[in-house]
Amino acid sequence: MKRIQECILKLKVWKDTSGQDLVEYALAAGLVAVAAVACMPGLSGTVNNVFTKIGSIIETNVH
């Protein structure tokens, strides 16, 4: 009888998917973080150019 109860408990644990959502969200967040880090070097040059142009426009028009 004890063996049957152990098998039933194992089956219940196997079917339990309550923690699955947390793992999926953690994997998605990790993927977004990796993608953001991969894009940063390419975007930093563009952002720097934009702010440099804005700074030069402001400096020429204010003075």
PDB file of N, CA and C in Angstrom:
ATOM      1  N   MET A   1       0.824  -1.204   0.000  1.00  0.00           N
ATOM      2  CA  MET A   1       0.000   0.000   0.000  1.00  0.00           C
ATOM      3  C   MET A   1       0.865   1.263   0.000  1.00  0.00           C
ATOM      4  N   LYS A   2       1.947   1.205   0.766  1.00  0.00           N
ATOM      5  CA  LYS A   2       2.825   2.360   0.846  1.00  0.00           C
ATOM      6  C   LYS A   2       3.462   2.632  -0.514  1.00  0.00           C
ATOM      7  N   ARG A   3       3.754   1.586  -1.234  1.00  0.00           N
ATOM      8  CA  ARG A   3       4.353   1.727  -2.560  1.00  0.00           C
ATOM      9  C   ARG A   3       3.396   2.417  -3.526  1.00  0.00           C
ATOM     10  N   ILE A   4       2.133   2.089  -3.446  1.00  0.00           N
ATOM     11  CA  ILE A   4       1.121   2.719  -4.307  1.00  0.00           C
ATOM     12  C   ILE A   4       0.986   4.197  -3.968  1.00  0.00           C
ATOM     13  N   GLN A   5       0.999   4.520  -2.681  1.00  0.00           N
ATOM     14  CA  GLN A   5       0.913   5.918  -2.275  1.00  0.00           C
ATOM     15  C   GLN A   5       2.116   6.716  -2.770  1.00  0.00           C
ATOM     16  N   GLU A   6       3.306   6.112  -2.733  1.00  0.00           N
ATOM     17  CA  GLU A   6       4.504   6.787  -3.240  1.00  0.00           C
ATOM     18  C   GLU A   6       4.398   7.031  -4.737  1.00  0.00           C
ATOM     19  N   CYS A   7       3.865   6.064  -5.461  1.00  0.00           N
ATOM     20  CA  CYS A   7       3.694   6.232  -6.910  1.00  0.00           C
ATOM     21  C   CYS A   7       2.681   7.329  -7.211  1.00  0.00           C
ATOM     22  N   ILE A   8       1.612   7.386  -6.452  1.00  0.00           N
ATOM     23  CA  ILE A   8       0.600   8.423  -6.652  1.00  0.00           C
ATOM     24  C   ILE A   8       1.187   9.797  -6.359  1.00  0.00           C
ATOM     25  N   LEU A   9       1.971   9.910  -5.301  1.00  0.00           N
ATOM     26  CA  LEU A   9       2.611  11.179  -4.954  1.00  0.00           C
ATOM     27  C   LEU A   9       3.567  11.622  -6.059  1.00  0.00           C
ATOM     28  N   LYS A  10       4.345  10.687  -6.604  1.00  0.00           N
ATOM     29  CA  LYS A  10       5.257  11.015  -7.698  1.00  0.00           C
ATOM     30  C   LYS A  10       4.486  11.504  -8.922  1.00  0.00           C
ATOM     31  N   LEU A  11       3.361  10.891  -9.218  1.00  0.00           N
ATOM     32  CA  LEU A  11       2.556  11.320 -10.360  1.00  0.00           C
ATOM     33  C   LEU A  11       1.977  12.710 -10.135  1.00  0.00           C
ATOM     34  N   LYS A  12       1.559  12.991  -8.908  1.00  0.00           N
ATOM     35  CA  LYS A  12       1.028  14.321  -8.606  1.00  0.00           C
ATOM     36  C   LYS A  12       2.108  15.385  -8.756  1.00  0.00           C
ATOM     37  N   VAL A  13       3.319  15.097  -8.295  1.00  0.00           N
ATOM     38  CA  VAL A  13       4.425  16.037  -8.410  1.00  0.00           C
ATOM     39  C   VAL A  13       4.780  16.229  -9.883  1.00  0.00           C
ATOM     40  N   TRP A  14       4.751  15.144 -10.660  1.00  0.00           N
ATOM     41  CA  TRP A  14       5.093  15.211 -12.075  1.00  0.00           C
ATOM     42  C   TRP A  14       4.107  16.093 -12.840  1.00  0.00           C
ATOM     43  N   LYS A  15       2.816  16.053 -12.453  1.00  0.00           N
ATOM     44  CA  LYS A  15       1.793  16.833 -13.143  1.00  0.00           C
ATOM     45  C   LYS A  15       1.704  18.271 -12.641  1.00  0.00           C
ATOM     46  N   ASP A  16       2.332  18.571 -11.517  1.00  0.00           N
ATOM     47  CA  ASP A  16       2.263  19.916 -10.940  1.00  0.00           C
ATOM     48  C   ASP A  16       3.051  20.888 -11.809  1.00  0.00           C
ATOM     49  N   THR A  17       2.376  21.908 -12.332  1.00  0.00           N
ATOM     50  CA  THR A  17       3.027  22.893 -13.203  1.00  0.00           C
ATOM     51  C   THR A  17       2.885  24.302 -12.647  1.00  0.00           C
ATOM     52  N   SER A  18       2.685  24.438 -11.350  1.00  0.00           N
ATOM     53  CA  SER A  18       2.447  25.765 -10.779  1.00  0.00           C
ATOM     54  C   SER A  18       3.682  26.655 -10.828  1.00  0.00           C
ATOM     55  N   GLY A  19       4.869  26.098 -10.778  1.00  0.00           N
ATOM     56  CA  GLY A  19       6.086  26.904 -10.829  1.00  0.00           C
ATOM     57  C   GLY A  19       6.601  27.142 -12.239  1.00  0.00           C
ATOM     58  N   GLN A  20       5.918  26.598 -13.217  1.00  0.00           N
ATOM     59  CA  GLN A  20       6.374  26.685 -14.598  1.00  0.00           C
ATOM     60  C   GLN A  20       6.357  28.118 -15.112  1.00  0.00           C
ATOM     61  N   ASP A  21       5.360  28.908 -14.769  1.00  0.00           N
ATOM     62  CA  ASP A  21       5.257  30.279 -15.252  1.00  0.00           C
ATOM     63  C   ASP A  21       6.454  31.119 -14.803  1.00  0.00           C
ATOM     64  N   LEU A  22       6.867  30.942 -13.572  1.00  0.00           N
ATOM     65  CA  LEU A  22       7.998  31.698 -13.047  1.00  0.00           C
ATOM     66  C   LEU A  22       9.270  31.414 -13.836  1.00  0.00           C
ATOM     67  N   VAL A  23       9.483  30.162 -14.165  1.00  0.00           N
ATOM     68  CA  VAL A  23      10.666  29.783 -14.937  1.00  0.00           C
ATOM     69  C   VAL A  23      10.598  30.391 -16.332  1.00  0.00           C
ATOM     70  N   GLU A  24       9.429  30.367 -16.951  1.00  0.00           N
ATOM     71  CA  GLU A  24       9.282  30.936 -18.294  1.00  0.00           C
ATOM     72  C   GLU A  24       9.526  32.441 -18.282  1.00  0.00           C
ATOM     73  N   TYR A  25       9.007  33.138 -17.282  1.00  0.00           N
ATOM     74  CA  TYR A  25       9.228  34.584 -17.186  1.00  0.00           C
ATOM     75  C   TYR A  25      10.708  34.897 -16.927  1.00  0.00           C
ATOM     76  N   ALA A  26      11.359  34.093 -16.122  1.00  0.00           N
ATOM     77  CA  ALA A  26      12.781  34.307 -15.858  1.00  0.00           C
ATOM     78  C   ALA A  26      13.604  34.099 -17.126  1.00  0.00           C
ATOM     79  N   LEU A  27      13.273  33.091 -17.906  1.00  0.00           N
ATOM     80  CA  LEU A  27      13.979  32.864 -19.163  1.00  0.00           C
ATOM     81  C   LEU A  27      13.734  34.005 -20.150  1.00  0.00           C
ATOM     82  N   ALA A  28      12.498  34.499 -20.214  1.00  0.00           N
ATOM     83  CA  ALA A  28      12.188  35.610 -21.109  1.00  0.00           C
ATOM     84  C   ALA A  28      12.932  36.875 -20.687  1.00  0.00           C
ATOM     85  N   ALA A  29      12.973  37.145 -19.394  1.00  0.00           N
ATOM     86  CA  ALA A  29      13.690  38.324 -18.903  1.00  0.00           C
ATOM     87  C   ALA A  29      15.186  38.203 -19.184  1.00  0.00           C
ATOM     88  N   GLY A  30      15.728  37.035 -19.015  1.00  0.00           N
ATOM     89  CA  GLY A  30      17.134  36.816 -19.325  1.00  0.00           C
ATOM     90  C   GLY A  30      17.432  37.014 -20.799  1.00  0.00           C
ATOM     91  N   LEU A  31      16.532  36.568 -21.662  1.00  0.00           N
ATOM     92  CA  LEU A  31      16.706  36.743 -23.099  1.00  0.00           C
ATOM     93  C   LEU A  31      16.653  38.217 -23.482  1.00  0.00           C
ATOM     94  N   VAL A  32      15.737  38.962 -22.879  1.00  0.00           N
ATOM     95  CA  VAL A  32      15.649  40.402 -23.146  1.00  0.00           C
ATOM     96  C   VAL A  32      16.919  41.103 -22.667  1.00  0.00           C
ATOM     97  N   ALA A  33      17.435  40.713 -21.520  1.00  0.00           N
ATOM     98  CA  ALA A  33      18.658  41.331 -20.999  1.00  0.00           C
ATOM     99  C   ALA A  33      19.844  41.053 -21.909  1.00  0.00           C
ATOM    100  N   VAL A  34      19.964  39.831 -22.400  1.00  0.00           N
ATOM    101  CA  VAL A  34      21.063  39.493 -23.308  1.00  0.00           C
ATOM    102  C   VAL A  34      20.942  40.280 -24.606  1.00  0.00           C
ATOM    103  N   ALA A  35      19.724  40.408 -25.136  1.00  0.00           N
ATOM    104  CA  ALA A  35      19.515  41.167 -26.367  1.00  0.00           C
ATOM    105  C   ALA A  35      19.841  42.647 -26.157  1.00  0.00           C
ATOM    106  N   ALA A  36      19.470  43.192 -25.013  1.00  0.00           N
ATOM    107  CA  ALA A  36      19.758  44.603 -24.736  1.00  0.00           C
ATOM    108  C   ALA A  36      21.258  44.845 -24.645  1.00  0.00           C
ATOM    109  N   VAL A  37      21.971  43.951 -23.986  1.00  0.00           N
ATOM    110  CA  VAL A  37      23.419  44.097 -23.866  1.00  0.00           C
ATOM    111  C   VAL A  37      24.081  43.955 -25.240  1.00  0.00           C
ATOM    112  N   ALA A  38      23.543  43.089 -26.068  1.00  0.00           N
ATOM    113  CA  ALA A  38      24.117  42.898 -27.405  1.00  0.00           C
ATOM    114  C   ALA A  38      23.904  44.125 -28.280  1.00  0.00           C
ATOM    115  N   CYS A  39      22.817  44.857 -28.077  1.00  0.00           N
ATOM    116  CA  CYS A  39      22.513  46.033 -28.900  1.00  0.00           C
ATOM    117  C   CYS A  39      23.205  47.301 -28.405  1.00  0.00           C
ATOM    118  N   MET A  40      23.637  47.338 -27.179  1.00  0.00           N
ATOM    119  CA  MET A  40      24.198  48.558 -26.604  1.00  0.00           C
ATOM    120  C   MET A  40      25.412  49.115 -27.351  1.00  0.00           C
ATOM    121  N   PRO A  41      26.399  48.311 -27.723  1.00  0.00           N
ATOM    122  CA  PRO A  41      27.556  48.902 -28.417  1.00  0.00           C
ATOM    123  C   PRO A  41      27.170  49.588 -29.733  1.00  0.00           C
ATOM    124  N   GLY A  42      26.247  49.011 -30.472  1.00  0.00           N
ATOM    125  CA  GLY A  42      25.823  49.613 -31.731  1.00  0.00           C
ATOM    126  C   GLY A  42      25.015  50.881 -31.531  1.00  0.00           C
ATOM    127  N   LEU A  43      24.214  50.913 -30.495  1.00  0.00           N
ATOM    128  CA  LEU A  43      23.368  52.081 -30.249  1.00  0.00           C
ATOM    129  C   LEU A  43      24.121  53.223 -29.577  1.00  0.00           C
ATOM    130  N   SER A  44      25.173  52.919 -28.854  1.00  0.00           N
ATOM    131  CA  SER A  44      25.869  53.973 -28.114  1.00  0.00           C
ATOM    132  C   SER A  44      26.484  55.003 -29.053  1.00  0.00           C
ATOM    133  N   GLY A  45      27.019  54.544 -30.177  1.00  0.00           N
ATOM    134  CA  GLY A  45      27.577  55.484 -31.146  1.00  0.00           C
ATOM    135  C   GLY A  45      26.514  56.379 -31.748  1.00  0.00           C
ATOM    136  N   THR A  46      25.369  55.818 -32.066  1.00  0.00           N
ATOM    137  CA  THR A  46      24.267  56.594 -32.639  1.00  0.00           C
ATOM    138  C   THR A  46      23.740  57.619 -31.648  1.00  0.00           C
ATOM    139  N   VAL A  47      23.536  57.196 -30.410  1.00  0.00           N
ATOM    140  CA  VAL A  47      23.044  58.111 -29.375  1.00  0.00           C
ATOM    141  C   VAL A  47      24.061  59.221 -29.130  1.00  0.00           C
ATOM    142  N   ASN A  48      25.330  58.895 -29.124  1.00  0.00           N
ATOM    143  CA  ASN A  48      26.372  59.890 -28.926  1.00  0.00           C
ATOM    144  C   ASN A  48      26.349  60.916 -30.064  1.00  0.00           C
ATOM    145  N   ASN A  49      26.192  60.474 -31.291  1.00  0.00           N
ATOM    146  CA  ASN A  49      26.128  61.398 -32.433  1.00  0.00           C
ATOM    147  C   ASN A  49      24.925  62.328 -32.334  1.00  0.00           C
ATOM    148  N   VAL A  50      23.780  61.787 -31.939  1.00  0.00           N
ATOM    149  CA  VAL A  50      22.574  62.607 -31.815  1.00  0.00           C
ATOM    150  C   VAL A  50      22.767  63.692 -30.762  1.00  0.00           C
ATOM    151  N   PHE A  51      23.297  63.327 -29.593  1.00  0.00           N
ATOM    152  CA  PHE A  51      23.493  64.318 -28.539  1.00  0.00           C
ATOM    153  C   PHE A  51      24.569  65.338 -28.911  1.00  0.00           C
ATOM    154  N   THR A  52      25.573  64.909 -29.656  1.00  0.00           N
ATOM    155  CA  THR A  52      26.596  65.849 -30.119  1.00  0.00           C
ATOM    156  C   THR A  52      25.995  66.874 -31.069  1.00  0.00           C
ATOM    157  N   LYS A  53      25.150  66.406 -31.987  1.00  0.00           N
ATOM    158  CA  LYS A  53      24.492  67.331 -32.923  1.00  0.00           C
ATOM    159  C   LYS A  53      23.553  68.281 -32.193  1.00  0.00           C
ATOM    160  N   ILE A  54      22.804  67.771 -31.247  1.00  0.00           N
ATOM    161  CA  ILE A  54      21.890  68.618 -30.472  1.00  0.00           C
ATOM    162  C   ILE A  54      22.689  69.656 -29.687  1.00  0.00           C
ATOM    163  N   GLY A  55      23.786  69.222 -29.081  1.00  0.00           N
ATOM    164  CA  GLY A  55      24.631  70.145 -28.326  1.00  0.00           C
ATOM    165  C   GLY A  55      25.213  71.238 -29.201  1.00  0.00           C
ATOM    166  N   SER A  56      25.652  70.886 -30.390  1.00  0.00           N
ATOM    167  CA  SER A  56      26.224  71.908 -31.278  1.00  0.00           C
ATOM    168  C   SER A  56      25.152  72.868 -31.789  1.00  0.00           C
ATOM    169  N   ILE A  57      23.949  72.377 -32.048  1.00  0.00           N
ATOM    170  CA  ILE A  57      22.848  73.253 -32.477  1.00  0.00           C
ATOM    171  C   ILE A  57      22.483  74.225 -31.368  1.00  0.00           C
ATOM    172  N   ILE A  58      22.397  73.740 -30.147  1.00  0.00           N
ATOM    173  CA  ILE A  58      22.067  74.613 -29.016  1.00  0.00           C
ATOM    174  C   ILE A  58      23.167  75.646 -28.810  1.00  0.00           C
ATOM    175  N   GLU A  59      24.415  75.223 -28.907  1.00  0.00           N
ATOM    176  CA  GLU A  59      25.530  76.155 -28.676  1.00  0.00           C
ATOM    177  C   GLU A  59      25.577  77.248 -29.737  1.00  0.00           C
ATOM    178  N   THR A  60      25.316  76.907 -30.985  1.00  0.00           N
ATOM    179  CA  THR A  60      25.351  77.923 -32.037  1.00  0.00           C
ATOM    180  C   THR A  60      24.174  78.882 -31.955  1.00  0.00           C
ATOM    181  N   ASN A  61      23.040  78.439 -31.505  1.00  0.00           N
ATOM    182  CA  ASN A  61      21.848  79.284 -31.445  1.00  0.00           C
ATOM    183  C   ASN A  61      21.744  80.090 -30.153  1.00  0.00           C
ATOM    184  N   VAL A  62      22.366  79.648 -29.092  1.00  0.00           N
ATOM    185  CA  VAL A  62      22.287  80.362 -27.815  1.00  0.00           C
ATOM    186  C   VAL A  62      23.314  81.473 -27.753  1.00  0.00           C
ATOM    187  N   HIS A  63      24.497  81.258 -28.262  1.00  0.00           N
ATOM    188  CA  HIS A  63      25.563  82.261 -28.166  1.00  0.00           C
ATOM    189  C   HIS A  63      25.496  83.163 -29.323  1.00  0.00           C
TER     190      HIS A  63
END
